[in-house]
C-alpha atoms as a PDB file:
ATOM      1  CA  UNK A   1      18.355 -46.931  52.562  1.00  0.00           C
ATOM      2  CA  UNK A   2      14.738 -46.678  52.126  1.00  0.00           C
ATOM      3  CA  UNK A   3      14.882 -44.517  49.184  1.00  0.00           C
ATOM      4  CA  UNK A   4      17.408 -46.778  47.596  1.00  0.00           C
ATOM      5  CA  UNK A   5      15.157 -49.662  48.216  1.00  0.00           C
ATOM      6  CA  UNK A   6      12.186 -47.993  46.819  1.00  0.00           C
ATOM      7  CA  UNK A   7      14.100 -47.051  43.686  1.00  0.00           C
ATOM      8  CA  UNK A   8      15.319 -50.795  43.342  1.00  0.00           C
ATOM      9  CA  UNK A   9      11.620 -51.635  43.409  1.00  0.00           C
ATOM     10  CA  UNK A  10      10.445 -48.968  41.131  1.00  0.00           C
ATOM     11  CA  UNK A  11      13.029 -48.394  38.502  1.00  0.00           C
ATOM     12  CA  UNK A  12      13.435 -50.718  35.551  1.00  0.00           C
ATOM     13  CA  UNK A  13      15.427 -50.417  32.138  1.00  0.00           C
ATOM     14  CA  UNK A  14      14.998 -52.509  28.937  1.00  0.00           C
ATOM     15  CA  UNK A  15      17.385 -53.018  26.080  1.00  0.00           C
ATOM     16  CA  UNK A  16      15.934 -52.455  22.418  1.00  0.00           C
ATOM     17  CA  UNK A  17      12.251 -53.062  23.390  1.00  0.00           C
ATOM     18  CA  UNK A  18      12.935 -56.400  24.876  1.00  0.00           C
ATOM     19  CA  UNK A  19      12.795 -57.439  28.447  1.00  0.00           C
ATOM     20  CA  UNK A  20      16.022 -59.192  29.180  1.00  0.00           C
ATOM     21  CA  UNK A  21      17.516 -60.123  32.372  1.00  0.00           C
ATOM     22  CA  UNK A  22      20.844 -58.889  33.528  1.00  0.00           C
ATOM     23  CA  UNK A  23      21.019 -56.552  30.315  1.00  0.00           C
ATOM     24  CA  UNK A  24      21.765 -52.911  30.254  1.00  0.00           C
ATOM     25  CA  UNK A  25      19.458 -50.633  28.072  1.00  0.00           C
ATOM     26  CA  UNK A  26      22.887 -48.658  27.512  1.00  0.00           C
ATOM     27  CA  UNK A  27      47.687 -23.686  27.972  1.00  0.00           C
ATOM     28  CA  UNK A  28      44.175 -22.928  26.552  1.00  0.00           C
ATOM     29  CA  UNK A  29      43.880 -22.683  23.050  1.00  0.00           C
ATOM     30  CA  UNK A  30      40.076 -21.531  22.521  1.00  0.00           C
ATOM     31  CA  UNK A  31      40.352 -20.525  18.783  1.00  0.00           C
ATOM     32  CA  UNK A  32      39.506 -23.979  17.421  1.00  0.00           C
ATOM     33  CA  UNK A  33      36.710 -24.763  20.020  1.00  0.00           C
ATOM     34  CA  UNK A  34      33.319 -25.092  18.922  1.00  0.00           C
ATOM     35  CA  UNK A  35      31.640 -21.618  18.110  1.00  0.00           C
ATOM     36  CA  UNK A  36      27.919 -21.504  19.133  1.00  0.00           C
ATOM     37  CA  UNK A  37      25.617 -18.770  17.985  1.00  0.00           C
ATOM     38  CA  UNK A  38      23.173 -17.057  20.343  1.00  0.00           C
ATOM     39  CA  UNK A  39      20.093 -19.380  19.781  1.00  0.00           C
ATOM     40  CA  UNK A  40      22.296 -22.506  19.415  1.00  0.00           C
ATOM     41  CA  UNK A  41      20.793 -23.249  15.939  1.00  0.00           C
ATOM     42  CA  UNK A  42      24.133 -23.320  14.353  1.00  0.00           C
ATOM     43  CA  UNK A  43      27.417 -24.965  15.767  1.00  0.00           C
ATOM     44  CA  UNK A  44      30.626 -24.863  13.627  1.00  0.00           C
ATOM     45  CA  UNK A  45      33.375 -27.504  14.559  1.00  0.00           C
ATOM     46  CA  UNK A  46      36.903 -27.768  13.452  1.00  0.00           C
ATOM     47  CA  UNK A  47      36.580 -30.208  10.637  1.00  0.00           C
ATOM     48  CA  UNK A  48      39.518 -32.301  11.940  1.00  0.00           C
ATOM     49  CA  UNK A  49      37.744 -33.137  15.220  1.00  0.00           C
ATOM     50  CA  UNK A  50      34.516 -34.309  13.531  1.00  0.00           C
ATOM     51  CA  UNK A  51      33.849 -38.008  13.303  1.00  0.00           C
ATOM     52  CA  UNK A  52      30.950 -40.054  11.855  1.00  0.00           C
ATOM     53  CA  UNK A  53      29.271 -42.622  13.975  1.00  0.00           C
ATOM     54  CA  UNK A  54      28.214 -46.245  12.548  1.00  0.00           C
ATOM     55  CA  UNK A  55      24.542 -46.935  13.510  1.00  0.00           C
ATOM     56  CA  UNK A  56      25.163 -50.757  13.724  1.00  0.00           C
ATOM     57  CA  UNK A  57      28.176 -50.174  16.180  1.00  0.00           C
ATOM     58  CA  UNK A  58      26.106 -48.068  18.349  1.00  0.00           C
ATOM     59  CA  UNK A  59      23.230 -50.532  18.376  1.00  0.00           C
ATOM     60  CA  UNK A  60      25.482 -53.179  19.367  1.00  0.00           C
ATOM     61  CA  UNK A  61      26.632 -51.284  22.228  1.00  0.00           C
ATOM     62  CA  UNK A  62      23.044 -50.185  23.486  1.00  0.00           C
ATOM     63  CA  UNK A  63      23.525 -46.616  22.546  1.00  0.00           C
ATOM     64  CA  UNK A  64      19.940 -45.738  21.230  1.00  0.00           C
ATOM     65  CA  UNK A  65      19.236 -42.279  22.292  1.00  0.00           C
ATOM     66  CA  UNK A  66      20.035 -40.907  18.758  1.00  0.00           C
ATOM     67  CA  UNK A  67      17.654 -43.129  17.262  1.00  0.00           C
ATOM     68  CA  UNK A  68      13.887 -42.091  17.910  1.00  0.00           C
ATOM     69  CA  UNK A  69      12.533 -45.233  15.934  1.00  0.00           C
ATOM     70  CA  UNK A  70      14.102 -47.334  18.740  1.00  0.00           C
ATOM     71  CA  UNK A  71      11.358 -48.134  21.410  1.00  0.00           C
ATOM     72  CA  UNK A  72      13.698 -47.686  24.319  1.00  0.00           C
ATOM     73  CA  UNK A  73      15.047 -44.084  23.412  1.00  0.00           C
ATOM     74  CA  UNK A  74      12.104 -42.564  25.254  1.00  0.00           C
ATOM     75  CA  UNK A  75      13.709 -43.828  28.480  1.00  0.00           C
ATOM     76  CA  UNK A  76      16.587 -41.293  28.039  1.00  0.00           C
ATOM     77  CA  UNK A  77      14.451 -38.569  26.809  1.00  0.00           C
ATOM     78  CA  UNK A  78      12.413 -38.788  30.154  1.00  0.00           C
ATOM     79  CA  UNK A  79      15.527 -39.124  32.128  1.00  0.00           C
ATOM     80  CA  UNK A  80      16.900 -36.049  30.333  1.00  0.00           C
ATOM     81  CA  UNK A  81      13.865 -33.966  31.193  1.00  0.00           C
ATOM     82  CA  UNK A  82      13.961 -34.653  34.864  1.00  0.00           C
ATOM     83  CA  UNK A  83      17.837 -34.197  35.071  1.00  0.00           C
ATOM     84  CA  UNK A  84      17.703 -30.879  33.243  1.00  0.00           C
ATOM     85  CA  UNK A  85      14.750 -29.708  35.343  1.00  0.00           C
ATOM     86  CA  UNK A  86      16.427 -30.496  38.661  1.00  0.00           C
ATOM     87  CA  UNK A  87      19.993 -29.079  37.428  1.00  0.00           C
ATOM     88  CA  UNK A  88      18.350 -25.721  36.258  1.00  0.00           C
ATOM     89  CA  UNK A  89      16.476 -25.620  39.595  1.00  0.00           C
ATOM     90  CA  UNK A  90      19.616 -25.662  41.489  1.00  0.00           C
ATOM     91  CA  UNK A  91      21.869 -23.854  38.985  1.00  0.00           C
ATOM     92  CA  UNK A  92      23.844 -26.969  38.251  1.00  0.00           C
ATOM     93  CA  UNK A  93      25.846 -27.568  35.132  1.00  0.00           C
ATOM     94  CA  UNK A  94      28.196 -30.671  35.816  1.00  0.00           C
ATOM     95  CA  UNK A  95      26.967 -34.012  36.680  1.00  0.00           C
ATOM     96  CA  UNK A  96      29.046 -37.208  37.658  1.00  0.00           C
ATOM     97  CA  UNK A  97      27.706 -40.623  36.505  1.00  0.00           C
ATOM     98  CA  UNK A  98      28.968 -43.204  38.955  1.00  0.00           C
ATOM     99  CA  UNK A  99      28.166 -46.629  40.122  1.00  0.00           C
ATOM    100  CA  UNK A 100      29.054 -48.651  43.324  1.00  0.00           C
ATOM    101  CA  UNK A 101      30.858 -51.385  41.287  1.00  0.00           C
ATOM    102  CA  UNK A 102      31.806 -52.263  37.797  1.00  0.00           C
ATOM    103  CA  UNK A 103      29.257 -53.699  35.328  1.00  0.00           C
ATOM    104  CA  UNK A 104      26.205 -51.451  36.309  1.00  0.00           C
ATOM    105  CA  UNK A 105      26.047 -49.828  32.745  1.00  0.00           C
ATOM    106  CA  UNK A 106      27.088 -46.467  34.046  1.00  0.00           C
ATOM    107  CA  UNK A 107      29.060 -45.509  30.616  1.00  0.00           C
ATOM    108  CA  UNK A 108      26.074 -46.686  28.500  1.00  0.00           C
ATOM    109  CA  UNK A 109      23.821 -44.416  30.588  1.00  0.00           C
ATOM    110  CA  UNK A 110      26.065 -41.489  30.341  1.00  0.00           C
ATOM    111  CA  UNK A 111      26.325 -41.642  26.494  1.00  0.00           C
ATOM    112  CA  UNK A 112      22.569 -41.976  25.814  1.00  0.00           C
ATOM    113  CA  UNK A 113      21.836 -39.163  28.530  1.00  0.00           C
ATOM    114  CA  UNK A 114      24.542 -36.867  26.702  1.00  0.00           C
ATOM    115  CA  UNK A 115      23.068 -37.474  23.331  1.00  0.00           C
ATOM    116  CA  UNK A 116      19.400 -36.876  24.487  1.00  0.00           C
ATOM    117  CA  UNK A 117      20.497 -33.638  26.194  1.00  0.00           C
ATOM    118  CA  UNK A 118      22.284 -32.357  23.080  1.00  0.00           C
ATOM    119  CA  UNK A 119      18.849 -32.832  21.317  1.00  0.00           C
ATOM    120  CA  UNK A 120      17.414 -30.067  23.278  1.00  0.00           C
ATOM    121  CA  UNK A 121      17.636 -27.069  21.029  1.00  0.00           C
ATOM    122  CA  UNK A 122      18.815 -24.666  23.824  1.00  0.00           C
ATOM    123  CA  UNK A 123      21.310 -26.965  25.457  1.00  0.00           C
ATOM    124  CA  UNK A 124      24.781 -28.261  24.338  1.00  0.00           C
ATOM    125  CA  UNK A 125      26.277 -31.497  25.999  1.00  0.00           C
ATOM    126  CA  UNK A 126      29.822 -32.310  26.612  1.00  0.00           C
ATOM    127  CA  UNK A 127      30.632 -35.958  27.603  1.00  0.00           C
ATOM    128  CA  UNK A 128      34.020 -36.429  29.431  1.00  0.00           C
ATOM    129  CA  UNK A 129      35.514 -39.898  29.818  1.00  0.00           C
ATOM    130  CA  UNK A 130      37.058 -39.459  33.397  1.00  0.00           C
ATOM    131  CA  UNK A 131      37.045 -43.360  34.108  1.00  0.00           C
ATOM    132  CA  UNK A 132      40.671 -43.065  33.516  1.00  0.00           C
ATOM    133  CA  UNK A 133      41.392 -46.656  34.799  1.00  0.00           C
ATOM    134  CA  UNK A 134      38.935 -48.236  32.346  1.00  0.00           C
ATOM    135  CA  UNK A 135      37.956 -45.938  29.805  1.00  0.00           C
ATOM    136  CA  UNK A 136      34.847 -47.012  27.628  1.00  0.00           C
ATOM    137  CA  UNK A 137      33.183 -43.795  25.923  1.00  0.00           C
ATOM    138  CA  UNK A 138      35.393 -44.237  22.867  1.00  0.00           C
ATOM    139  CA  UNK A 139      35.003 -47.768  22.434  1.00  0.00           C
ATOM    140  CA  UNK A 140      31.138 -47.740  22.773  1.00  0.00           C
ATOM    141  CA  UNK A 141      30.740 -44.732  20.605  1.00  0.00           C
ATOM    142  CA  UNK A 142      33.143 -46.154  17.974  1.00  0.00           C
ATOM    143  CA  UNK A 143      35.289 -43.195  18.008  1.00  0.00           C
ATOM    144  CA  UNK A 144      38.800 -43.616  16.509  1.00  0.00           C
ATOM    145  CA  UNK A 145      40.438 -40.057  17.135  1.00  0.00           C
ATOM    146  CA  UNK A 146      44.242 -39.750  17.292  1.00  0.00           C
ATOM    147  CA  UNK A 147      44.486 -37.456  20.351  1.00  0.00           C
ATOM    148  CA  UNK A 148      42.586 -37.726  23.805  1.00  0.00           C
ATOM    149  CA  UNK A 149      42.870 -37.058  27.510  1.00  0.00           C
ATOM    150  CA  UNK A 150      45.976 -39.195  27.392  1.00  0.00           C
ATOM    151  CA  UNK A 151      47.746 -36.704  25.115  1.00  0.00           C
ATOM    152  CA  UNK A 152      46.372 -33.827  27.131  1.00  0.00           C
ATOM    153  CA  UNK A 153      48.011 -35.250  30.332  1.00  0.00           C
ATOM    154  CA  UNK A 154      51.326 -35.869  28.536  1.00  0.00           C
ATOM    155  CA  UNK A 155      51.488 -32.203  27.284  1.00  0.00           C
ATOM    156  CA  UNK A 156      51.176 -33.496  23.679  1.00  0.00           C
ATOM    157  CA  UNK A 157      47.896 -31.877  22.855  1.00  0.00           C
ATOM    158  CA  UNK A 158      45.734 -28.756  23.614  1.00  0.00           C
ATOM    159  CA  UNK A 159      42.147 -28.946  24.849  1.00  0.00           C
ATOM    160  CA  UNK A 160      40.982 -27.952  21.570  1.00  0.00           C
ATOM    161  CA  UNK A 161      42.669 -30.784  19.851  1.00  0.00           C
ATOM    162  CA  UNK A 162      40.959 -33.652  21.952  1.00  0.00           C
ATOM    163  CA  UNK A 163      37.438 -32.474  21.751  1.00  0.00           C
ATOM    164  CA  UNK A 164      35.432 -34.534  19.413  1.00  0.00           C
ATOM    165  CA  UNK A 165      32.117 -33.869  17.695  1.00  0.00           C
ATOM    166  CA  UNK A 166      30.514 -37.258  16.932  1.00  0.00           C
ATOM    167  CA  UNK A 167      28.512 -36.177  14.002  1.00  0.00           C
ATOM    168  CA  UNK A 168      25.665 -35.125  16.450  1.00  0.00           C
ATOM    169  CA  UNK A 169      24.728 -31.371  16.712  1.00  0.00           C
ATOM    170  CA  UNK A 170      25.369 -29.554  19.995  1.00  0.00           C
ATOM    171  CA  UNK A 171      27.276 -32.692  21.320  1.00  0.00           C
ATOM    172  CA  UNK A 172      30.900 -32.899  22.057  1.00  0.00           C
ATOM    173  CA  UNK A 173      33.077 -35.579  23.587  1.00  0.00           C
ATOM    174  CA  UNK A 174      36.464 -35.691  25.282  1.00  0.00           C
ATOM    175  CA  UNK A 175      37.500 -39.385  25.126  1.00  0.00           C
ATOM    176  CA  UNK A 176      40.468 -41.250  26.969  1.00  0.00           C
ATOM    177  CA  UNK A 177      41.961 -43.607  24.545  1.00  0.00           C
ATOM    178  CA  UNK A 178      43.930 -45.885  27.189  1.00  0.00           C
ATOM    179  CA  UNK A 179      44.165 -46.454  30.883  1.00  0.00           C
ATOM    180  CA  UNK A 180      46.150 -43.700  32.826  1.00  0.00           C
ATOM    181  CA  UNK A 181      48.743 -44.501  35.615  1.00  0.00           C
ATOM    182  CA  UNK A 182      48.216 -42.841  38.852  1.00  0.00           C
ATOM    183  CA  UNK A 183      44.848 -41.847  37.843  1.00  0.00           C
ATOM    184  CA  UNK A 184      43.792 -40.412  41.317  1.00  0.00           C
ATOM    185  CA  UNK A 185      46.802 -38.175  41.351  1.00  0.00           C
ATOM    186  CA  UNK A 186      45.909 -36.808  37.804  1.00  0.00           C
ATOM    187  CA  UNK A 187      42.386 -36.225  38.796  1.00  0.00           C
ATOM    188  CA  UNK A 188      43.338 -34.366  41.787  1.00  0.00           C
ATOM    189  CA  UNK A 189      46.077 -32.210  40.122  1.00  0.00           C
ATOM    190  CA  UNK A 190      45.812 -28.286  39.682  1.00  0.00           C
ATOM    191  CA  UNK A 191      45.727 -28.972  35.793  1.00  0.00           C
ATOM    192  CA  UNK A 192      42.665 -30.963  35.973  1.00  0.00           C
ATOM    193  CA  UNK A 193      40.984 -28.602  38.480  1.00  0.00           C
ATOM    194  CA  UNK A 194      41.585 -25.875  35.854  1.00  0.00           C
ATOM    195  CA  UNK A 195      40.272 -28.155  33.109  1.00  0.00           C
ATOM    196  CA  UNK A 196      36.950 -28.766  34.830  1.00  0.00           C
ATOM    197  CA  UNK A 197      36.439 -25.096  35.404  1.00  0.00           C
ATOM    198  CA  UNK A 198      37.204 -24.428  31.695  1.00  0.00           C
ATOM    199  CA  UNK A 199      34.784 -27.097  30.410  1.00  0.00           C
ATOM    200  CA  UNK A 200      32.101 -25.696  32.912  1.00  0.00           C
ATOM    201  CA  UNK A 201      32.273 -22.151  32.367  1.00  0.00           C
ATOM    202  CA  UNK A 202      33.032 -21.732  28.572  1.00  0.00           C
ATOM    203  CA  UNK A 203      29.352 -21.888  27.647  1.00  0.00           C
ATOM    204  CA  UNK A 204      26.085 -20.896  29.751  1.00  0.00           C
ATOM    205  CA  UNK A 205      24.084 -23.583  27.746  1.00  0.00           C
ATOM    206  CA  UNK A 206      26.528 -26.353  28.266  1.00  0.00           C
ATOM    207  CA  UNK A 207      25.691 -29.615  30.439  1.00  0.00           C
ATOM    208  CA  UNK A 208      29.099 -31.481  31.206  1.00  0.00           C
ATOM    209  CA  UNK A 209      28.674 -35.041  31.787  1.00  0.00           C
ATOM    210  CA  UNK A 210      31.594 -36.879  33.554  1.00  0.00           C
ATOM    211  CA  UNK A 211      31.691 -40.670  33.340  1.00  0.00           C
ATOM    212  CA  UNK A 212      33.447 -41.731  36.596  1.00  0.00           C
ATOM    213  CA  UNK A 213      35.082 -44.976  37.792  1.00  0.00           C
ATOM    214  CA  UNK A 214      32.966 -46.969  40.188  1.00  0.00           C
ATOM    215  CA  UNK A 215      33.084 -45.399  43.595  1.00  0.00           C
ATOM    216  CA  UNK A 216      33.814 -48.430  45.634  1.00  0.00           C
ATOM    217  CA  UNK A 217      36.792 -49.812  43.566  1.00  0.00           C
ATOM    218  CA  UNK A 218      39.066 -46.851  43.725  1.00  0.00           C
ATOM    219  CA  UNK A 219      39.173 -43.283  45.065  1.00  0.00           C
ATOM    220  CA  UNK A 220      39.116 -41.527  41.873  1.00  0.00           C
ATOM    221  CA  UNK A 221      35.501 -40.638  42.032  1.00  0.00           C
ATOM    222  CA  UNK A 222      35.854 -39.258  45.537  1.00  0.00           C
ATOM    223  CA  UNK A 223      38.795 -36.968  44.338  1.00  0.00           C
ATOM    224  CA  UNK A 224      36.653 -35.413  41.729  1.00  0.00           C
ATOM    225  CA  UNK A 225      33.161 -35.307  43.307  1.00  0.00           C
ATOM    226  CA  UNK A 226      33.851 -32.178  45.373  1.00  0.00           C
ATOM    227  CA  UNK A 227      34.503 -30.416  42.014  1.00  0.00           C
ATOM    228  CA  UNK A 228      31.157 -31.511  40.340  1.00  0.00           C
ATOM    229  CA  UNK A 229      27.649 -30.183  40.877  1.00  0.00           C
ATOM    230  CA  UNK A 230      25.739 -33.297  41.300  1.00  0.00           C
ATOM    231  CA  UNK A 231      25.695 -37.051  41.053  1.00  0.00           C
ATOM    232  CA  UNK A 232      23.473 -39.582  39.190  1.00  0.00           C
ATOM    233  CA  UNK A 233      24.012 -42.949  40.733  1.00  0.00           C
ATOM    234  CA  UNK A 234      23.663 -45.896  38.494  1.00  0.00           C
ATOM    235  CA  UNK A 235      22.640 -49.303  40.151  1.00  0.00           C
ATOM    236  CA  UNK A 236      22.737 -52.663  38.354  1.00  0.00           C
ATOM    237  CA  UNK A 237      19.338 -54.553  39.186  1.00  0.00           C
ATOM    238  CA  UNK A 238      20.560 -57.428  41.606  1.00  0.00           C
ATOM    239  CA  UNK A 239      23.890 -56.619  41.134  1.00  0.00           C
ATOM    240  CA  UNK A 240      24.991 -54.985  44.252  1.00  0.00           C
ATOM    241  CA  UNK A 241      24.768 -56.057  47.971  1.00  0.00           C
ATOM    242  CA  UNK A 242      22.905 -54.062  50.518  1.00  0.00           C
ATOM    243  CA  UNK A 243      26.218 -53.163  52.168  1.00  0.00           C
ATOM    244  CA  UNK A 244      27.699 -51.857  48.991  1.00  0.00           C
ATOM    245  CA  UNK A 245      24.566 -49.599  48.390  1.00  0.00           C
ATOM    246  CA  UNK A 246      24.850 -48.438  52.079  1.00  0.00           C
ATOM    247  CA  UNK A 247      28.640 -47.535  51.787  1.00  0.00           C
ATOM    248  CA  UNK A 248      28.060 -45.775  48.362  1.00  0.00           C
ATOM    249  CA  UNK A 249      25.378 -43.602  50.058  1.00  0.00           C
ATOM    250  CA  UNK A 250      27.619 -43.021  52.934  1.00  0.00           C
ATOM    251  CA  UNK A 251      30.475 -41.788  50.554  1.00  0.00           C
ATOM    252  CA  UNK A 252      27.981 -39.574  48.737  1.00  0.00           C
ATOM    253  CA  UNK A 253      26.694 -37.796  52.034  1.00  0.00           C
ATOM    254  CA  UNK A 254      28.332 -34.522  51.012  1.00  0.00           C
ATOM    255  CA  UNK A 255      27.424 -34.705  47.196  1.00  0.00           C
ATOM    256  CA  UNK A 256      24.147 -33.541  45.656  1.00  0.00           C
ATOM    257  CA  UNK A 257      22.460 -36.904  44.623  1.00  0.00           C
ATOM    258  CA  UNK A 258      20.484 -35.787  41.553  1.00  0.00           C
ATOM    259  CA  UNK A 259      18.786 -39.279  41.089  1.00  0.00           C
ATOM    260  CA  UNK A 260      19.020 -42.975  41.039  1.00  0.00           C
ATOM    261  CA  UNK A 261      18.865 -45.134  37.730  1.00  0.00           C
ATOM    262  CA  UNK A 262      18.426 -48.961  38.049  1.00  0.00           C
ATOM    263  CA  UNK A 263      19.720 -50.744  35.322  1.00  0.00           C
ATOM    264  CA  UNK A 264      19.411 -54.247  33.992  1.00  0.00           C
ATOM    265  CA  UNK A 265      15.829 -54.799  35.055  1.00  0.00           C
ATOM    266  CA  UNK A 266      13.535 -57.111  33.821  1.00  0.00           C
ATOM    267  CA  UNK A 267      10.015 -55.339  33.975  1.00  0.00           C
ATOM    268  CA  UNK A 268       9.447 -52.814  31.429  1.00  0.00           C
ATOM    269  CA  UNK A 269       8.501 -49.571  33.064  1.00  0.00           C
ATOM    270  CA  UNK A 270      10.117 -46.201  34.104  1.00  0.00           C
ATOM    271  CA  UNK A 271      13.725 -46.563  34.681  1.00  0.00           C
ATOM    272  CA  UNK A 272      14.635 -43.953  37.267  1.00  0.00           C
ATOM    273  CA  UNK A 273      13.525 -42.560  40.637  1.00  0.00           C
ATOM    274  CA  UNK A 274      13.785 -39.082  42.021  1.00  0.00           C
ATOM    275  CA  UNK A 275      13.503 -37.887  45.589  1.00  0.00           C
END
């Protein structure tokens, strides 16, 4: 608990350069998957899976990492650097983004981190919406793609058909368009275990970011965590009780905790803390 308390004291996040109370900054068919050359300078996507994002929509949903003119984009670049350094030190390639309870801003952090990682010339990033109970990635990015994880689960789409490039080089997204019934059972299925292995192992350069449900509200995250290399914990400043944080840390005792991000902070300073 001392490390978490220290993180709460040290880590702050702001939105759009303004200090604001309680505000988040924010069967395999591989033939159509992105093809990447040796130095990652060129990525060719299936044109049917490319969508263009709207800058105003992104700003309204606190997605800032793609805009280097935004004064808060540096927060996610700095977070990216520390995340990648620690993952590379340990040979980790998958990271789960979780929070104790809802409204901590985990999906906004996940999106901004994925965009920032994709801006590294020697990395590719894949953002996967595995918050099957309350998916938000497509909504926040403004992605309107016909097929998603829902279709994959129903056997109506191949993996290649649900992967989306949001017009940002080296970034792909797997959206979930609507809540999934029996989400915990779905995540623990053999099919999803194979899917995670496929996403992780296809490219050595790929970092896979999984947006998971709050850990205290459902067992979905606990089902998936054993298959993920490490965890980035998102805390909403002043949002969680001490007992909620304690219980979260207890549930994560068998996980590799990459770091802690404290969101919705009032003071403008660095927004994360590492062991």
